[in-house]
Amino acid sequence: MNRKLKLTELNRVSVNEYKQQDKTPIIVILDNIRSLNNVGSFFRTSDAFNIEAIYLCGITATPPHREIQKTALGATDSVDWFYNENTLEVVDVLQTKGYKVYAIEQAENTISLESFNYNNEPIALVFGNEVKGVEQKVVDAADGCIEIPQFGTKHSLNVSISYGVVAWHLVNQAIKK
């Protein structure tokens, strides 16, 4: 039988310790995410996977906000974040700094997530609006598109769920190398 661990047994690091840790060199770019609950989920998932930073762009709300905090559960304090109204500017700056930028999108010539080989190199992942996805001009500027294979009738996942799937896949590859 398995006994659930108590919170005191999880050996969580403090926010200060977290800030000092070496991060997984992944930056997340939120391109016009409208749901504050989704924004909070991105923060919480980023904290869990030790992601470098989040860029909030366009209409994406920024902390502090009660609705973001509901799902972030304090991760807005641990995860570095920045706001820029223009997603393309963020993509350009990160590419100049040596990051490969990938839109998580259903598009022509995508790389299937299961085939994407992550070697712990600096990358940025762009996640788009819940209805419209990543803006086409951002897709055009990206170094490529990664698509999550799906087999049902809906052909889409909630954006924060998509992030969890992609983040786990990449971080899992990184820790195995």
C-alpha atoms as a PDB file:
ATOM      1  CA  MET A   1       0.000   0.000   0.000  1.00  0.00           C
ATOM      2  CA  ASN A   2       1.187   3.521  -0.789  1.00  0.00           C
ATOM      3  CA  ARG A   3       0.830   6.273   1.777  1.00  0.00           C
ATOM      4  CA  LYS A   4       0.315   9.778   0.479  1.00  0.00           C
ATOM      5  CA  LEU A   5       3.085  12.129   1.516  1.00  0.00           C
ATOM      6  CA  LYS A   6       2.332  15.110   3.702  1.00  0.00           C
ATOM      7  CA  LEU A   7       3.289  18.562   2.452  1.00  0.00           C
ATOM      8  CA  THR A   8       6.069  18.673   5.044  1.00  0.00           C
ATOM      9  CA  GLU A   9       7.565  15.506   3.527  1.00  0.00           C
ATOM     10  CA  LEU A  10       7.866  16.866  -0.028  1.00  0.00           C
ATOM     11  CA  ASN A  11      11.138  18.724   0.612  1.00  0.00           C
ATOM     12  CA  ARG A  12      10.109  21.743  -1.422  1.00  0.00           C
ATOM     13  CA  VAL A  13      12.634  24.509  -1.927  1.00  0.00           C
ATOM     14  CA  SER A  14      11.891  28.044  -0.781  1.00  0.00           C
ATOM     15  CA  VAL A  15      11.207  30.808  -3.303  1.00  0.00           C
ATOM     16  CA  ASN A  16      14.721  32.183  -2.670  1.00  0.00           C
ATOM     17  CA  GLU A  17      16.292  28.748  -3.209  1.00  0.00           C
ATOM     18  CA  TYR A  18      14.220  28.306  -6.355  1.00  0.00           C
ATOM     19  CA  LYS A  19      15.394  31.653  -7.715  1.00  0.00           C
ATOM     20  CA  GLN A  20      19.037  30.552  -7.200  1.00  0.00           C
ATOM     21  CA  GLN A  21      18.667  27.184  -8.973  1.00  0.00           C
ATOM     22  CA  ASP A  22      19.994  26.664 -12.485  1.00  0.00           C
ATOM     23  CA  LYS A  23      16.959  26.728 -14.757  1.00  0.00           C
ATOM     24  CA  THR A  24      15.922  24.600 -17.683  1.00  0.00           C
ATOM     25  CA  PRO A  25      16.797  26.890 -20.632  1.00  0.00           C
ATOM     26  CA  ILE A  26      13.207  27.145 -21.844  1.00  0.00           C
ATOM     27  CA  ILE A  27      11.342  30.416 -22.119  1.00  0.00           C
ATOM     28  CA  VAL A  28       7.593  30.467 -22.568  1.00  0.00           C
ATOM     29  CA  ILE A  29       5.893  33.178 -24.599  1.00  0.00           C
ATOM     30  CA  LEU A  30       2.152  33.692 -24.134  1.00  0.00           C
ATOM     31  CA  ASP A  31       0.701  35.294 -27.260  1.00  0.00           C
ATOM     32  CA  ASN A  32      -2.633  36.905 -26.334  1.00  0.00           C
ATOM     33  CA  ILE A  33      -3.865  34.377 -23.783  1.00  0.00           C
ATOM     34  CA  ARG A  34      -7.249  35.649 -22.597  1.00  0.00           C
ATOM     35  CA  SER A  35      -8.001  33.344 -19.634  1.00  0.00           C
ATOM     36  CA  LEU A  36      -6.437  34.420 -16.368  1.00  0.00           C
ATOM     37  CA  ASN A  37      -6.812  30.856 -15.093  1.00  0.00           C
ATOM     38  CA  ASN A  38      -4.709  29.649 -18.035  1.00  0.00           C
ATOM     39  CA  VAL A  39      -2.072  32.288 -17.266  1.00  0.00           C
ATOM     40  CA  GLY A  40      -1.943  31.062 -13.665  1.00  0.00           C
ATOM     41  CA  SER A  41      -1.588  27.478 -14.861  1.00  0.00           C
ATOM     42  CA  PHE A  42       1.390  28.463 -17.022  1.00  0.00           C
ATOM     43  CA  PHE A  43       3.085  29.938 -13.953  1.00  0.00           C
ATOM     44  CA  ARG A  44       2.425  26.860 -11.837  1.00  0.00           C
ATOM     45  CA  THR A  45       3.646  24.460 -14.527  1.00  0.00           C
ATOM     46  CA  SER A  46       6.720  26.632 -15.154  1.00  0.00           C
ATOM     47  CA  ASP A  47       7.568  26.484 -11.464  1.00  0.00           C
ATOM     48  CA  ALA A  48       7.146  22.697 -11.414  1.00  0.00           C
ATOM     49  CA  PHE A  49       9.503  22.213 -14.357  1.00  0.00           C
ATOM     50  CA  ASN A  50      12.036  24.906 -13.348  1.00  0.00           C
ATOM     51  CA  ILE A  51      11.488  26.949 -16.521  1.00  0.00           C
ATOM     52  CA  GLU A  52      13.681  29.998 -17.103  1.00  0.00           C
ATOM     53  CA  ALA A  53      10.988  32.653 -17.629  1.00  0.00           C
ATOM     54  CA  ILE A  54       7.595  33.567 -19.040  1.00  0.00           C
ATOM     55  CA  TYR A  55       6.915  36.454 -21.417  1.00  0.00           C
ATOM     56  CA  LEU A  56       3.349  37.737 -21.272  1.00  0.00           C
ATOM     57  CA  CYS A  57       2.395  39.443 -24.534  1.00  0.00           C
ATOM     58  CA  GLY A  58      -0.516  41.344 -26.049  1.00  0.00           C
ATOM     59  CA  ILE A  59      -3.766  41.006 -24.121  1.00  0.00           C
ATOM     60  CA  THR A  60      -2.278  38.448 -21.730  1.00  0.00           C
ATOM     61  CA  ALA A  61      -2.929  39.629 -18.177  1.00  0.00           C
ATOM     62  CA  THR A  62      -0.081  40.127 -15.720  1.00  0.00           C
ATOM     63  CA  PRO A  63       0.254  39.491 -12.001  1.00  0.00           C
ATOM     64  CA  PRO A  64      -0.806  40.465  -9.479  1.00  0.00           C
ATOM     65  CA  HIS A  65      -4.374  39.383 -10.149  1.00  0.00           C
ATOM     66  CA  ARG A  66      -6.704  37.304  -8.010  1.00  0.00           C
ATOM     67  CA  GLU A  67      -7.771  35.067 -10.925  1.00  0.00           C
ATOM     68  CA  ILE A  68      -4.151  34.335 -11.900  1.00  0.00           C
ATOM     69  CA  GLN A  69      -3.280  33.554  -8.272  1.00  0.00           C
ATOM     70  CA  LYS A  70      -6.137  31.014  -8.047  1.00  0.00           C
ATOM     71  CA  THR A  71      -4.283  28.631 -10.330  1.00  0.00           C
ATOM     72  CA  ALA A  72      -0.698  29.887  -9.929  1.00  0.00           C
ATOM     73  CA  LEU A  73      -0.731  29.203  -6.176  1.00  0.00           C
ATOM     74  CA  GLY A  74       2.171  31.595  -5.566  1.00  0.00           C
ATOM     75  CA  ALA A  75       4.258  30.655  -8.619  1.00  0.00           C
ATOM     76  CA  THR A  76       4.125  34.264  -9.799  1.00  0.00           C
ATOM     77  CA  ASP A  77       6.629  34.926  -7.005  1.00  0.00           C
ATOM     78  CA  SER A  78       9.042  32.182  -8.023  1.00  0.00           C
ATOM     79  CA  VAL A  79       8.975  32.247 -11.837  1.00  0.00           C
ATOM     80  CA  ASP A  80      10.588  35.211 -13.580  1.00  0.00           C
ATOM     81  CA  TRP A  81       8.169  36.976 -15.907  1.00  0.00           C
ATOM     82  CA  PHE A  82       8.161  39.946 -18.226  1.00  0.00           C
ATOM     83  CA  TYR A  83       5.508  41.808 -20.189  1.00  0.00           C
ATOM     84  CA  ASN A  84       5.794  43.081 -23.750  1.00  0.00           C
ATOM     85  CA  GLU A  85       2.814  44.161 -25.796  1.00  0.00           C
ATOM     86  CA  ASN A  86       4.475  42.958 -29.012  1.00  0.00           C
ATOM     87  CA  THR A  87       5.060  39.208 -29.315  1.00  0.00           C
ATOM     88  CA  LEU A  88       7.180  39.654 -32.455  1.00  0.00           C
ATOM     89  CA  GLU A  89       9.612  41.903 -30.576  1.00  0.00           C
ATOM     90  CA  VAL A  90      10.080  39.193 -27.934  1.00  0.00           C
ATOM     91  CA  VAL A  91      10.652  36.544 -30.619  1.00  0.00           C
ATOM     92  CA  ASP A  92      13.228  38.758 -32.359  1.00  0.00           C
ATOM     93  CA  VAL A  93      15.107  39.599 -29.149  1.00  0.00           C
ATOM     94  CA  LEU A  94      15.252  35.959 -28.066  1.00  0.00           C
ATOM     95  CA  GLN A  95      16.438  34.799 -31.491  1.00  0.00           C
ATOM     96  CA  THR A  96      19.155  37.462 -31.360  1.00  0.00           C
ATOM     97  CA  LYS A  97      20.210  35.993 -27.997  1.00  0.00           C
ATOM     98  CA  GLY A  98      20.525  32.529 -29.578  1.00  0.00           C
ATOM     99  CA  TYR A  99      17.184  30.980 -28.666  1.00  0.00           C
ATOM    100  CA  LYS A 100      15.392  28.806 -31.200  1.00  0.00           C
ATOM    101  CA  VAL A 101      11.733  29.790 -31.152  1.00  0.00           C
ATOM    102  CA  TYR A 102       8.987  27.233 -31.746  1.00  0.00           C
ATOM    103  CA  ALA A 103       5.289  27.955 -32.031  1.00  0.00           C
ATOM    104  CA  ILE A 104       3.138  25.233 -30.517  1.00  0.00           C
ATOM    105  CA  GLU A 105       0.615  25.102 -33.295  1.00  0.00           C
ATOM    106  CA  GLN A 106      -1.113  22.994 -35.921  1.00  0.00           C
ATOM    107  CA  ALA A 107       0.433  24.161 -39.176  1.00  0.00           C
ATOM    108  CA  GLU A 108       2.058  22.943 -42.367  1.00  0.00           C
ATOM    109  CA  ASN A 109       5.443  21.272 -41.936  1.00  0.00           C
ATOM    110  CA  THR A 110       5.199  20.900 -38.160  1.00  0.00           C
ATOM    111  CA  ILE A 111       7.513  18.757 -36.097  1.00  0.00           C
ATOM    112  CA  SER A 112       5.572  16.155 -34.164  1.00  0.00           C
ATOM    113  CA  LEU A 113       6.290  16.507 -30.456  1.00  0.00           C
ATOM    114  CA  GLU A 114       7.215  12.839 -30.223  1.00  0.00           C
ATOM    115  CA  SER A 115       9.948  13.431 -32.847  1.00  0.00           C
ATOM    116  CA  PHE A 116      11.288  16.655 -31.360  1.00  0.00           C
ATOM    117  CA  ASN A 117      14.739  16.071 -29.898  1.00  0.00           C
ATOM    118  CA  TYR A 118      15.545  18.480 -27.092  1.00  0.00           C
ATOM    119  CA  ASN A 119      19.197  18.679 -26.038  1.00  0.00           C
ATOM    120  CA  ASN A 120      18.882  21.284 -23.271  1.00  0.00           C
ATOM    121  CA  GLU A 121      19.673  24.125 -25.671  1.00  0.00           C
ATOM    122  CA  PRO A 122      18.014  27.530 -25.168  1.00  0.00           C
ATOM    123  CA  ILE A 123      14.575  27.500 -26.750  1.00  0.00           C
ATOM    124  CA  ALA A 124      11.411  29.555 -26.523  1.00  0.00           C
ATOM    125  CA  LEU A 125       7.933  28.104 -26.900  1.00  0.00           C
ATOM    126  CA  VAL A 126       5.063  30.282 -28.120  1.00  0.00           C
ATOM    127  CA  PHE A 127       1.543  29.407 -27.019  1.00  0.00           C
ATOM    128  CA  GLY A 128      -1.362  31.281 -28.561  1.00  0.00           C
ATOM    129  CA  ASN A 129      -4.833  32.525 -27.914  1.00  0.00           C
ATOM    130  CA  GLU A 130      -7.383  29.931 -26.834  1.00  0.00           C
ATOM    131  CA  VAL A 131      -9.503  30.472 -29.961  1.00  0.00           C
ATOM    132  CA  LYS A 132      -7.186  31.858 -32.650  1.00  0.00           C
ATOM    133  CA  GLY A 133      -3.931  30.174 -31.667  1.00  0.00           C
ATOM    134  CA  VAL A 134      -0.523  31.730 -32.297  1.00  0.00           C
ATOM    135  CA  GLU A 135      -0.755  34.747 -34.596  1.00  0.00           C
ATOM    136  CA  GLN A 136       0.300  33.893 -38.173  1.00  0.00           C
ATOM    137  CA  LYS A 137       2.999  36.601 -38.203  1.00  0.00           C
ATOM    138  CA  VAL A 138       4.502  34.994 -35.089  1.00  0.00           C
ATOM    139  CA  VAL A 139       4.325  31.539 -36.702  1.00  0.00           C
ATOM    140  CA  ASP A 140       6.116  33.027 -39.735  1.00  0.00           C
ATOM    141  CA  ALA A 141       8.886  34.466 -37.526  1.00  0.00           C
ATOM    142  CA  ALA A 142       9.381  31.266 -35.512  1.00  0.00           C
ATOM    143  CA  ASP A 143      12.138  28.777 -36.296  1.00  0.00           C
ATOM    144  CA  GLY A 144       9.539  26.034 -36.527  1.00  0.00           C
ATOM    145  CA  CYS A 145       6.274  24.661 -35.228  1.00  0.00           C
ATOM    146  CA  ILE A 146       5.772  21.765 -32.865  1.00  0.00           C
ATOM    147  CA  GLU A 147       2.480  19.888 -32.916  1.00  0.00           C
ATOM    148  CA  ILE A 148       1.088  17.559 -30.269  1.00  0.00           C
ATOM    149  CA  PRO A 149      -0.266  14.383 -31.904  1.00  0.00           C
ATOM    150  CA  GLN A 150      -3.978  13.981 -31.226  1.00  0.00           C
ATOM    151  CA  PHE A 151      -6.357  11.192 -32.094  1.00  0.00           C
ATOM    152  CA  GLY A 152      -9.845  12.375 -31.097  1.00  0.00           C
ATOM    153  CA  THR A 153     -12.524  14.422 -32.825  1.00  0.00           C
ATOM    154  CA  LYS A 154     -11.737  17.821 -31.278  1.00  0.00           C
ATOM    155  CA  HIS A 155      -8.219  18.379 -32.636  1.00  0.00           C
ATOM    156  CA  SER A 156      -7.298  20.692 -29.815  1.00  0.00           C
ATOM    157  CA  LEU A 157      -6.304  20.786 -26.176  1.00  0.00           C
ATOM    158  CA  ASN A 158      -6.681  23.567 -23.653  1.00  0.00           C
ATOM    159  CA  VAL A 159      -3.613  25.798 -24.049  1.00  0.00           C
ATOM    160  CA  SER A 160      -2.394  25.257 -20.495  1.00  0.00           C
ATOM    161  CA  ILE A 161      -2.808  21.487 -20.884  1.00  0.00           C
ATOM    162  CA  SER A 162      -0.802  21.690 -24.123  1.00  0.00           C
ATOM    163  CA  TYR A 163       1.932  23.453 -22.202  1.00  0.00           C
ATOM    164  CA  GLY A 164       2.000  20.730 -19.557  1.00  0.00           C
ATOM    165  CA  VAL A 165       2.351  18.045 -22.232  1.00  0.00           C
ATOM    166  CA  VAL A 166       5.123  19.893 -24.104  1.00  0.00           C
ATOM    167  CA  ALA A 167       6.993  20.949 -20.963  1.00  0.00           C
ATOM    168  CA  TRP A 168       6.995  17.428 -19.544  1.00  0.00           C
ATOM    169  CA  HIS A 169       8.225  15.975 -22.840  1.00  0.00           C
ATOM    170  CA  LEU A 170      11.114  18.453 -23.108  1.00  0.00           C
ATOM    171  CA  VAL A 171      12.149  18.414 -19.458  1.00  0.00           C
ATOM    172  CA  ASN A 172      11.982  14.622 -19.421  1.00  0.00           C
ATOM    173  CA  GLN A 173      14.412  14.541 -22.367  1.00  0.00           C
ATOM    174  CA  ALA A 174      16.680  17.097 -20.681  1.00  0.00           C
ATOM    175  CA  ILE A 175      17.001  15.181 -17.412  1.00  0.00           C
ATOM    176  CA  LYS A 176      17.824  11.951 -19.242  1.00  0.00           C
ATOM    177  CA  LYS A 177      20.851  13.526 -20.956  1.00  0.00           C
END
